[in-house]
Structure formats: structure tokens, C-alpha cells
């Protein structure tokens, strides 16, 4: 999972729009859109501000193993297993 996907998943989990997240974190909506789409990489302070804007610990996005979204767990990856 890339950081943009994690930002989007966490934003949706909190029921926050891109516009609202932008306002809360002091960024533009286009910046949030670009982060979520993987077109731009957030800086450390961007990730801290986004986490705090979502009510999470400022280090949320820096954990080594963030939880997978519930819908992604168990879904096929499209890769063949070694036994195939």
C-alpha cells in the first residue's frame, strides 16, 4: 500500500472530504488530491499535519506496519502462488 492510498483510506474512515482535510491541515485541495493519487509525495510535516487533522497521532503514517484497510485483507493480488 502506498502512502497516498493510506491517506485516502484514513480520510474516508473518518468521514472527511478532501476539501475538509485540506482546510484542517492547512493545505490546498489539489495537494491532497495529488497525494492520494500518488502524483506527489508528502513531506514529513505534511504527513504529521494530515494525521493531526484526522485526529490521529502525528506519527501515525510513520509506523512500520500500518493496518491494511478491511476491504484489502484477503483480496486476491493477481499474483500466482509459487505452487501454480
Protein backbone atom coordinates (compact mmCIF):
# COMPACT_ATOMS: atom_id res chain seq x y z
CA UNK A 1 0.00 0.00 0.00
CA UNK A 2 1.41 3.40 -0.90
CA UNK A 3 1.15 6.47 1.29
CA UNK A 4 -1.49 8.12 -0.90
CA UNK A 5 -3.77 5.11 -0.56
CA UNK A 6 -3.24 5.11 3.19
CA UNK A 7 -4.11 8.82 3.43
CA UNK A 8 -7.29 8.29 1.39
CA UNK A 9 -8.31 5.24 3.41
CA UNK A 10 -7.79 7.03 6.72
CA UNK A 11 -9.62 10.15 5.46
CA UNK A 12 -12.62 8.08 4.37
CA UNK A 13 -12.55 6.12 7.64
CA UNK A 14 -13.00 9.44 9.46
CA UNK A 15 -15.75 10.59 7.06
CA UNK A 16 -13.77 13.65 5.96
CA UNK A 17 -13.87 15.16 2.46
CA UNK A 18 -10.73 16.13 0.59
CA UNK A 19 -11.72 19.77 0.96
CA UNK A 20 -12.24 19.44 4.71
CA UNK A 21 -8.91 17.63 5.15
CA UNK A 22 -7.19 20.36 3.15
CA UNK A 23 -8.68 23.07 5.37
CA UNK A 24 -7.89 21.24 8.61
CA UNK A 25 -4.29 20.53 7.58
CA UNK A 26 -3.56 23.94 6.05
CA UNK A 27 -3.08 22.58 2.52
CA UNK A 28 -4.88 23.05 -0.76
CA UNK A 29 -7.43 20.53 -2.00
CA UNK A 30 -5.27 19.92 -5.07
CA UNK A 31 -2.35 18.97 -2.82
CA UNK A 32 -4.50 16.38 -1.02
CA UNK A 33 -5.74 15.05 -4.37
CA UNK A 34 -2.17 14.75 -5.66
CA UNK A 35 -1.02 12.93 -2.51
CA UNK A 36 -3.90 10.46 -2.71
CA UNK A 37 -3.33 9.86 -6.44
CA UNK A 38 0.39 9.27 -5.91
CA UNK A 39 1.29 12.21 -8.16
CA UNK A 40 3.10 13.99 -5.35
CA UNK A 41 4.90 12.69 -2.28
CA UNK A 42 4.08 14.33 1.04
CA UNK A 43 6.87 15.72 3.20
CA UNK A 44 7.26 14.62 6.80
CA UNK A 45 5.49 17.73 8.10
CA UNK A 46 2.65 17.20 5.59
CA UNK A 47 2.07 13.70 6.96
CA UNK A 48 2.15 14.96 10.53
CA UNK A 49 -0.38 17.70 9.72
CA UNK A 50 -2.68 15.26 7.91
CA UNK A 51 -2.55 12.80 10.80
CA UNK A 52 -3.35 15.51 13.34
CA UNK A 53 -6.15 16.87 11.11
CA UNK A 54 -7.69 13.40 11.17
CA UNK A 55 -7.41 13.11 14.95
CA UNK A 56 -4.58 10.59 14.79
CA UNK A 57 -1.20 10.64 16.49
CA UNK A 58 1.24 12.73 14.48
CA UNK A 59 3.38 9.61 13.95
CA UNK A 60 0.52 7.53 12.53
CA UNK A 61 1.88 7.44 8.98
CA UNK A 62 5.38 6.53 10.17
CA UNK A 63 4.56 3.15 11.68
CA UNK A 64 6.36 0.24 10.06
CA UNK A 65 3.25 -1.87 9.57
CA UNK A 66 0.11 0.23 9.25
CA UNK A 67 -3.06 -1.84 9.27
CA UNK A 68 -4.48 -2.82 5.90
CA UNK A 69 -7.92 -1.49 5.07
CA UNK A 70 -10.58 -4.12 5.83
CA UNK A 71 -11.57 -4.42 2.16
CA UNK A 72 -7.99 -5.22 1.09
CA UNK A 73 -7.48 -8.09 3.51
CA UNK A 74 -7.89 -11.39 1.78
CA UNK A 75 -8.46 -9.97 -1.70
CA UNK A 76 -6.55 -11.69 -4.49
CA UNK A 77 -3.39 -9.86 -5.51
CA UNK A 78 -3.39 -11.07 -9.11
CA UNK A 79 -0.10 -12.84 -8.49
CA UNK A 80 0.27 -16.56 -8.91
CA UNK A 81 1.26 -18.56 -5.91
CA UNK A 82 4.58 -20.43 -6.04
CA UNK A 83 2.72 -23.74 -6.40
CA UNK A 84 0.99 -22.63 -9.64
